[in-house]
Amino acid sequence: MRHFLSARLWAAFAILGASAVVVLGLFALTSGSSSTPTSLPATHNVELVAVATSLSAQEGWQIASNKTVGNATLTLDDGRVVEILEGTLGEITCTNLTAPSACVLLADMLGSGVVWFALVPVDENAASNQKMLTLPPLVDMLNGGSSGVLQNDWIVKLGNGVKRTCDSESDTANLREFITKFSQSSVTMLDLIKDEVTEVVCTSN
């Protein structure tokens, strides 16, 4: 009888030990994943597009680890005033932040709040820099063709009947065919008045 009880006791210990190993393993996995630095979302839905006529920021305002340090206020060419709070996800490629109308703001919004933004330079062409913005190629379409995905994972609004500009030997039947053929050799033109893509242009055949 004692031998039988001892066997049952040892079996219980073995089960408890195995359970402890499993729990510790799961804890180690979750702890390890929580220490991984937070990365930017895979895509950014561009809901606001406008030329920034002025920018007022706290001293030292910058992007560090993909987030803003300090607060900034932007006045847009349509009269809106947008606040970008400290800790907002973003990226800045516009180098002349203090010059009037030198940068274009693209932002993902939650109500009136900015959850992600990009400040990019206006196009260099003086005749079009207030009207059009050149963006990376389209690589996909979403929402029945009303939205497009750019090569840099930004999601932008597509206008009706996006113009496809190539030489006569590179004609395509529709935008989907254009994307399939020229996703690596084209640019996307976003109309800053309509806030939507109106044209795609081949850069090579």
C-alpha atoms as a PDB file:
ATOM      1  CA  MET A   1       0.000   0.000   0.000  1.00  0.00           C
ATOM      2  CA  ARG A   2       2.836   2.395   0.855  1.00  0.00           C
ATOM      3  CA  HIS A   3       4.549   1.527  -2.422  1.00  0.00           C
ATOM      4  CA  PHE A   4       1.330   2.318  -4.328  1.00  0.00           C
ATOM      5  CA  LEU A   5       0.891   5.671  -2.585  1.00  0.00           C
ATOM      6  CA  SER A   6       4.527   6.576  -3.226  1.00  0.00           C
ATOM      7  CA  ALA A   7       4.141   5.888  -6.937  1.00  0.00           C
ATOM      8  CA  ARG A   8       1.058   8.099  -7.109  1.00  0.00           C
ATOM      9  CA  LEU A   9       2.884  10.807  -5.184  1.00  0.00           C
ATOM     10  CA  TRP A  10       5.855  10.724  -7.534  1.00  0.00           C
ATOM     11  CA  ALA A  11       3.555  10.866 -10.539  1.00  0.00           C
ATOM     12  CA  ALA A  12       1.873  13.975  -9.109  1.00  0.00           C
ATOM     13  CA  PHE A  13       5.277  15.577  -8.600  1.00  0.00           C
ATOM     14  CA  ALA A  14       6.199  14.788 -12.193  1.00  0.00           C
ATOM     15  CA  ILE A  15       3.000  16.403 -13.521  1.00  0.00           C
ATOM     16  CA  LEU A  16       3.567  19.510 -11.393  1.00  0.00           C
ATOM     17  CA  GLY A  17       7.152  19.747 -12.599  1.00  0.00           C
ATOM     18  CA  ALA A  18       6.135  19.497 -16.254  1.00  0.00           C
ATOM     19  CA  SER A  19       3.485  22.158 -15.748  1.00  0.00           C
ATOM     20  CA  ALA A  20       6.042  24.471 -14.167  1.00  0.00           C
ATOM     21  CA  VAL A  21       8.369  24.029 -17.148  1.00  0.00           C
ATOM     22  CA  VAL A  22       5.554  24.925 -19.573  1.00  0.00           C
ATOM     23  CA  VAL A  23       4.543  28.011 -17.561  1.00  0.00           C
ATOM     24  CA  LEU A  24       8.133  29.227 -17.313  1.00  0.00           C
ATOM     25  CA  GLY A  25       8.626  28.698 -21.033  1.00  0.00           C
ATOM     26  CA  LEU A  26       5.531  30.725 -21.895  1.00  0.00           C
ATOM     27  CA  PHE A  27       6.617  33.482 -19.516  1.00  0.00           C
ATOM     28  CA  ALA A  28      10.024  33.626 -21.148  1.00  0.00           C
ATOM     29  CA  LEU A  29       8.469  33.911 -24.607  1.00  0.00           C
ATOM     30  CA  THR A  30       6.070  36.682 -23.640  1.00  0.00           C
ATOM     31  CA  SER A  31       8.753  38.537 -21.709  1.00  0.00           C
ATOM     32  CA  GLY A  32      11.121  38.345 -24.638  1.00  0.00           C
ATOM     33  CA  SER A  33       8.518  39.627 -27.086  1.00  0.00           C
ATOM     34  CA  SER A  34       7.579  42.526 -24.827  1.00  0.00           C
ATOM     35  CA  SER A  35      11.169  43.740 -24.811  1.00  0.00           C
ATOM     36  CA  THR A  36      11.213  44.022 -28.621  1.00  0.00           C
ATOM     37  CA  PRO A  37      11.116  47.687 -29.705  1.00  0.00           C
ATOM     38  CA  THR A  38       7.775  48.842 -31.062  1.00  0.00           C
ATOM     39  CA  SER A  39       7.917  49.320 -34.836  1.00  0.00           C
ATOM     40  CA  LEU A  40       5.853  51.559 -37.061  1.00  0.00           C
ATOM     41  CA  PRO A  41       2.598  50.097 -38.411  1.00  0.00           C
ATOM     42  CA  ALA A  42       2.946  48.340 -41.756  1.00  0.00           C
ATOM     43  CA  THR A  43       0.757  50.889 -43.562  1.00  0.00           C
ATOM     44  CA  HIS A  44      -0.325  54.497 -43.035  1.00  0.00           C
ATOM     45  CA  ASN A  45      -3.708  55.730 -44.208  1.00  0.00           C
ATOM     46  CA  VAL A  46      -3.199  59.243 -45.594  1.00  0.00           C
ATOM     47  CA  GLU A  47      -6.409  61.090 -44.748  1.00  0.00           C
ATOM     48  CA  LEU A  48      -5.112  64.668 -44.677  1.00  0.00           C
ATOM     49  CA  VAL A  49      -2.966  66.256 -47.381  1.00  0.00           C
ATOM     50  CA  ALA A  50      -2.068  69.954 -47.439  1.00  0.00           C
ATOM     51  CA  VAL A  51       0.787  72.398 -47.936  1.00  0.00           C
ATOM     52  CA  ALA A  52       2.049  73.712 -44.613  1.00  0.00           C
ATOM     53  CA  THR A  53       2.204  77.504 -44.874  1.00  0.00           C
ATOM     54  CA  SER A  54       3.890  77.827 -41.483  1.00  0.00           C
ATOM     55  CA  LEU A  55       5.239  75.674 -38.670  1.00  0.00           C
ATOM     56  CA  SER A  56       5.693  76.708 -35.056  1.00  0.00           C
ATOM     57  CA  ALA A  57       7.500  74.186 -32.871  1.00  0.00           C
ATOM     58  CA  GLN A  58       9.129  73.907 -29.495  1.00  0.00           C
ATOM     59  CA  GLU A  59      12.901  74.269 -29.476  1.00  0.00           C
ATOM     60  CA  GLY A  60      14.541  70.995 -30.389  1.00  0.00           C
ATOM     61  CA  TRP A  61      11.428  69.588 -32.082  1.00  0.00           C
ATOM     62  CA  GLN A  62      12.503  66.520 -34.029  1.00  0.00           C
ATOM     63  CA  ILE A  63      11.874  62.876 -34.790  1.00  0.00           C
ATOM     64  CA  ALA A  64      13.635  60.375 -32.534  1.00  0.00           C
ATOM     65  CA  SER A  65      12.939  56.622 -32.676  1.00  0.00           C
ATOM     66  CA  ASN A  66      10.102  57.323 -35.156  1.00  0.00           C
ATOM     67  CA  LYS A  67       8.311  59.665 -32.717  1.00  0.00           C
ATOM     68  CA  THR A  68       8.212  63.405 -32.188  1.00  0.00           C
ATOM     69  CA  VAL A  69      10.130  65.064 -29.373  1.00  0.00           C
ATOM     70  CA  GLY A  70       8.180  68.169 -28.342  1.00  0.00           C
ATOM     71  CA  ASN A  71       5.012  69.715 -29.780  1.00  0.00           C
ATOM     72  CA  ALA A  72       4.434  71.565 -33.049  1.00  0.00           C
ATOM     73  CA  THR A  73       1.635  73.568 -34.655  1.00  0.00           C
ATOM     74  CA  LEU A  74       1.149  73.680 -38.410  1.00  0.00           C
ATOM     75  CA  THR A  75      -0.995  76.136 -40.338  1.00  0.00           C
ATOM     76  CA  LEU A  76      -2.197  74.672 -43.641  1.00  0.00           C
ATOM     77  CA  ASP A  77      -2.979  76.320 -46.958  1.00  0.00           C
ATOM     78  CA  ASP A  78      -6.687  75.642 -46.495  1.00  0.00           C
ATOM     79  CA  GLY A  79      -6.728  77.576 -43.210  1.00  0.00           C
ATOM     80  CA  ARG A  80      -6.728  74.615 -40.857  1.00  0.00           C
ATOM     81  CA  VAL A  81      -4.443  74.533 -37.837  1.00  0.00           C
ATOM     82  CA  VAL A  82      -3.065  71.109 -36.876  1.00  0.00           C
ATOM     83  CA  GLU A  83      -1.374  70.200 -33.603  1.00  0.00           C
ATOM     84  CA  ILE A  84       1.280  67.483 -33.585  1.00  0.00           C
ATOM     85  CA  LEU A  85       1.813  66.357 -30.017  1.00  0.00           C
ATOM     86  CA  GLU A  86       4.926  64.873 -28.487  1.00  0.00           C
ATOM     87  CA  GLY A  87       5.179  61.146 -29.054  1.00  0.00           C
ATOM     88  CA  THR A  88       3.325  61.171 -32.391  1.00  0.00           C
ATOM     89  CA  LEU A  89       4.599  58.663 -34.952  1.00  0.00           C
ATOM     90  CA  GLY A  90       6.069  60.423 -37.954  1.00  0.00           C
ATOM     91  CA  GLU A  91       8.777  61.001 -40.512  1.00  0.00           C
ATOM     92  CA  ILE A  92      10.294  64.182 -41.911  1.00  0.00           C
ATOM     93  CA  THR A  93      12.107  64.456 -45.241  1.00  0.00           C
ATOM     94  CA  CYS A  94      11.432  68.160 -45.761  1.00  0.00           C
ATOM     95  CA  THR A  95      14.615  69.999 -44.789  1.00  0.00           C
ATOM     96  CA  ASN A  96      13.333  73.590 -44.928  1.00  0.00           C
ATOM     97  CA  LEU A  97      10.750  73.478 -42.150  1.00  0.00           C
ATOM     98  CA  THR A  98      10.806  77.200 -41.419  1.00  0.00           C
ATOM     99  CA  ALA A  99      10.196  78.395 -44.993  1.00  0.00           C
ATOM    100  CA  PRO A 100       6.550  79.192 -45.878  1.00  0.00           C
ATOM    101  CA  SER A 101       4.885  76.568 -48.091  1.00  0.00           C
ATOM    102  CA  ALA A 102       8.054  74.490 -48.448  1.00  0.00           C
ATOM    103  CA  CYS A 103       6.596  71.274 -46.991  1.00  0.00           C
ATOM    104  CA  VAL A 104       3.533  69.128 -47.553  1.00  0.00           C
ATOM    105  CA  LEU A 105       1.821  67.472 -44.608  1.00  0.00           C
ATOM    106  CA  LEU A 106       0.368  63.997 -45.055  1.00  0.00           C
ATOM    107  CA  ALA A 107      -1.348  62.594 -41.977  1.00  0.00           C
ATOM    108  CA  ASP A 108      -3.337  59.686 -40.622  1.00  0.00           C
ATOM    109  CA  MET A 109      -6.055  61.146 -38.417  1.00  0.00           C
ATOM    110  CA  LEU A 110      -8.203  59.996 -35.511  1.00  0.00           C
ATOM    111  CA  GLY A 111     -10.914  62.624 -35.402  1.00  0.00           C
ATOM    112  CA  SER A 112      -9.006  65.903 -35.278  1.00  0.00           C
ATOM    113  CA  GLY A 113      -5.900  64.288 -33.797  1.00  0.00           C
ATOM    114  CA  VAL A 114      -2.823  63.260 -35.770  1.00  0.00           C
ATOM    115  CA  VAL A 115      -1.784  59.644 -35.111  1.00  0.00           C
ATOM    116  CA  TRP A 116       0.928  59.552 -37.812  1.00  0.00           C
ATOM    117  CA  PHE A 117       2.326  62.148 -40.178  1.00  0.00           C
ATOM    118  CA  ALA A 118       4.932  62.830 -42.826  1.00  0.00           C
ATOM    119  CA  LEU A 119       6.403  66.176 -43.813  1.00  0.00           C
ATOM    120  CA  VAL A 120       7.786  65.987 -47.344  1.00  0.00           C
ATOM    121  CA  PRO A 121       9.184  68.720 -49.598  1.00  0.00           C
ATOM    122  CA  VAL A 122       7.003  70.288 -52.250  1.00  0.00           C
ATOM    123  CA  ASP A 123       7.901  69.384 -55.820  1.00  0.00           C
ATOM    124  CA  GLU A 124      10.890  71.295 -57.169  1.00  0.00           C
ATOM    125  CA  ASN A 125       9.041  72.385 -60.299  1.00  0.00           C
ATOM    126  CA  ALA A 126       7.973  75.951 -59.453  1.00  0.00           C
ATOM    127  CA  ALA A 127       5.032  75.773 -61.834  1.00  0.00           C
ATOM    128  CA  SER A 128       3.467  72.787 -60.083  1.00  0.00           C
ATOM    129  CA  ASN A 129       4.806  72.734 -56.526  1.00  0.00           C
ATOM    130  CA  GLN A 130       1.576  74.129 -55.089  1.00  0.00           C
ATOM    131  CA  LYS A 131      -0.651  71.842 -57.152  1.00  0.00           C
ATOM    132  CA  MET A 132       0.943  68.401 -57.463  1.00  0.00           C
ATOM    133  CA  LEU A 133       3.044  66.151 -55.254  1.00  0.00           C
ATOM    134  CA  THR A 134       5.202  63.383 -56.702  1.00  0.00           C
ATOM    135  CA  LEU A 135       5.024  60.150 -54.703  1.00  0.00           C
ATOM    136  CA  PRO A 136       6.455  56.623 -55.044  1.00  0.00           C
ATOM    137  CA  PRO A 137       4.875  54.076 -57.406  1.00  0.00           C
ATOM    138  CA  LEU A 138       1.524  52.435 -56.794  1.00  0.00           C
ATOM    139  CA  VAL A 139       1.872  48.744 -55.969  1.00  0.00           C
ATOM    140  CA  ASP A 140      -1.724  47.778 -55.192  1.00  0.00           C
ATOM    141  CA  MET A 141      -5.324  48.962 -55.021  1.00  0.00           C
ATOM    142  CA  LEU A 142      -7.813  48.598 -52.164  1.00  0.00           C
ATOM    143  CA  ASN A 143     -11.513  49.215 -51.471  1.00  0.00           C
ATOM    144  CA  GLY A 144     -12.710  48.509 -54.974  1.00  0.00           C
ATOM    145  CA  GLY A 145     -10.127  50.809 -56.520  1.00  0.00           C
ATOM    146  CA  SER A 146     -10.900  53.878 -54.413  1.00  0.00           C
ATOM    147  CA  SER A 147      -7.562  53.646 -52.550  1.00  0.00           C
ATOM    148  CA  GLY A 148      -4.046  52.838 -53.651  1.00  0.00           C
ATOM    149  CA  VAL A 149      -1.032  51.453 -51.811  1.00  0.00           C
ATOM    150  CA  LEU A 150       2.274  53.148 -52.544  1.00  0.00           C
ATOM    151  CA  GLN A 151       5.655  51.458 -52.577  1.00  0.00           C
ATOM    152  CA  ASN A 152       6.401  53.006 -49.167  1.00  0.00           C
ATOM    153  CA  ASP A 153       3.180  51.494 -47.683  1.00  0.00           C
ATOM    154  CA  TRP A 154       1.197  54.738 -47.618  1.00  0.00           C
ATOM    155  CA  ILE A 155      -2.468  54.366 -48.529  1.00  0.00           C
ATOM    156  CA  VAL A 156      -3.766  57.257 -50.636  1.00  0.00           C
ATOM    157  CA  LYS A 157      -7.086  58.159 -52.222  1.00  0.00           C
ATOM    158  CA  LEU A 158      -7.432  57.426 -55.947  1.00  0.00           C
ATOM    159  CA  GLY A 159      -9.434  59.757 -58.145  1.00  0.00           C
ATOM    160  CA  ASN A 160     -11.909  58.522 -60.714  1.00  0.00           C
ATOM    161  CA  GLY A 161     -10.195  57.618 -63.966  1.00  0.00           C
ATOM    162  CA  VAL A 162      -6.562  58.019 -62.922  1.00  0.00           C
ATOM    163  CA  LYS A 163      -4.599  59.110 -66.003  1.00  0.00           C
ATOM    164  CA  ARG A 164      -1.881  56.691 -67.133  1.00  0.00           C
ATOM    165  CA  THR A 165       0.988  58.427 -68.908  1.00  0.00           C
ATOM    166  CA  CYS A 166       3.471  56.311 -70.863  1.00  0.00           C
ATOM    167  CA  ASP A 167       4.809  56.222 -74.390  1.00  0.00           C
ATOM    168  CA  SER A 168       2.577  54.734 -77.062  1.00  0.00           C
ATOM    169  CA  GLU A 169       4.348  51.375 -76.865  1.00  0.00           C
ATOM    170  CA  SER A 170       3.505  51.023 -73.191  1.00  0.00           C
ATOM    171  CA  ASP A 171      -0.264  51.487 -73.294  1.00  0.00           C
ATOM    172  CA  THR A 172      -2.242  49.717 -70.558  1.00  0.00           C
ATOM    173  CA  ALA A 173      -5.944  48.886 -70.470  1.00  0.00           C
ATOM    174  CA  ASN A 174      -6.536  49.991 -66.877  1.00  0.00           C
ATOM    175  CA  LEU A 175      -4.826  51.071 -63.667  1.00  0.00           C
ATOM    176  CA  ARG A 176      -4.493  47.504 -62.408  1.00  0.00           C
ATOM    177  CA  GLU A 177      -2.556  46.530 -65.519  1.00  0.00           C
ATOM    178  CA  PHE A 178      -0.410  49.644 -65.150  1.00  0.00           C
ATOM    179  CA  ILE A 179       0.456  48.691 -61.562  1.00  0.00           C
ATOM    180  CA  THR A 180       1.329  45.158 -62.612  1.00  0.00           C
ATOM    181  CA  LYS A 181       3.611  46.397 -65.384  1.00  0.00           C
ATOM    182  CA  PHE A 182       5.118  49.564 -63.913  1.00  0.00           C
ATOM    183  CA  SER A 183       5.083  49.234 -60.114  1.00  0.00           C
ATOM    184  CA  GLN A 184       8.876  49.498 -60.107  1.00  0.00           C
ATOM    185  CA  SER A 185       9.294  52.135 -62.816  1.00  0.00           C
ATOM    186  CA  SER A 186       6.741  54.900 -62.339  1.00  0.00           C
ATOM    187  CA  VAL A 187       5.751  57.785 -60.096  1.00  0.00           C
ATOM    188  CA  THR A 188       2.390  58.717 -58.611  1.00  0.00           C
ATOM    189  CA  MET A 189       1.024  62.256 -58.924  1.00  0.00           C
ATOM    190  CA  LEU A 190      -1.206  63.467 -56.096  1.00  0.00           C
ATOM    191  CA  ASP A 191      -3.317  66.547 -56.771  1.00  0.00           C
ATOM    192  CA  LEU A 192      -2.941  68.914 -53.797  1.00  0.00           C
ATOM    193  CA  ILE A 193      -6.197  70.655 -54.662  1.00  0.00           C
ATOM    194  CA  LYS A 194      -8.315  67.500 -54.860  1.00  0.00           C
ATOM    195  CA  ASP A 195      -6.231  65.575 -52.273  1.00  0.00           C
ATOM    196  CA  GLU A 196      -6.224  62.483 -54.462  1.00  0.00           C
ATOM    197  CA  VAL A 197      -4.094  60.705 -57.032  1.00  0.00           C
ATOM    198  CA  THR A 198      -4.983  61.866 -60.529  1.00  0.00           C
ATOM    199  CA  GLU A 199      -2.098  60.514 -62.630  1.00  0.00           C
ATOM    200  CA  VAL A 200       0.576  57.831 -62.768  1.00  0.00           C
ATOM    201  CA  VAL A 201       3.622  58.342 -64.985  1.00  0.00           C
ATOM    202  CA  CYS A 202       6.100  55.835 -66.361  1.00  0.00           C
ATOM    203  CA  THR A 203       9.725  56.651 -65.660  1.00  0.00           C
ATOM    204  CA  SER A 204      11.108  53.921 -67.942  1.00  0.00           C
ATOM    205  CA  ASN A 205       9.828  51.094 -70.134  1.00  0.00           C
END
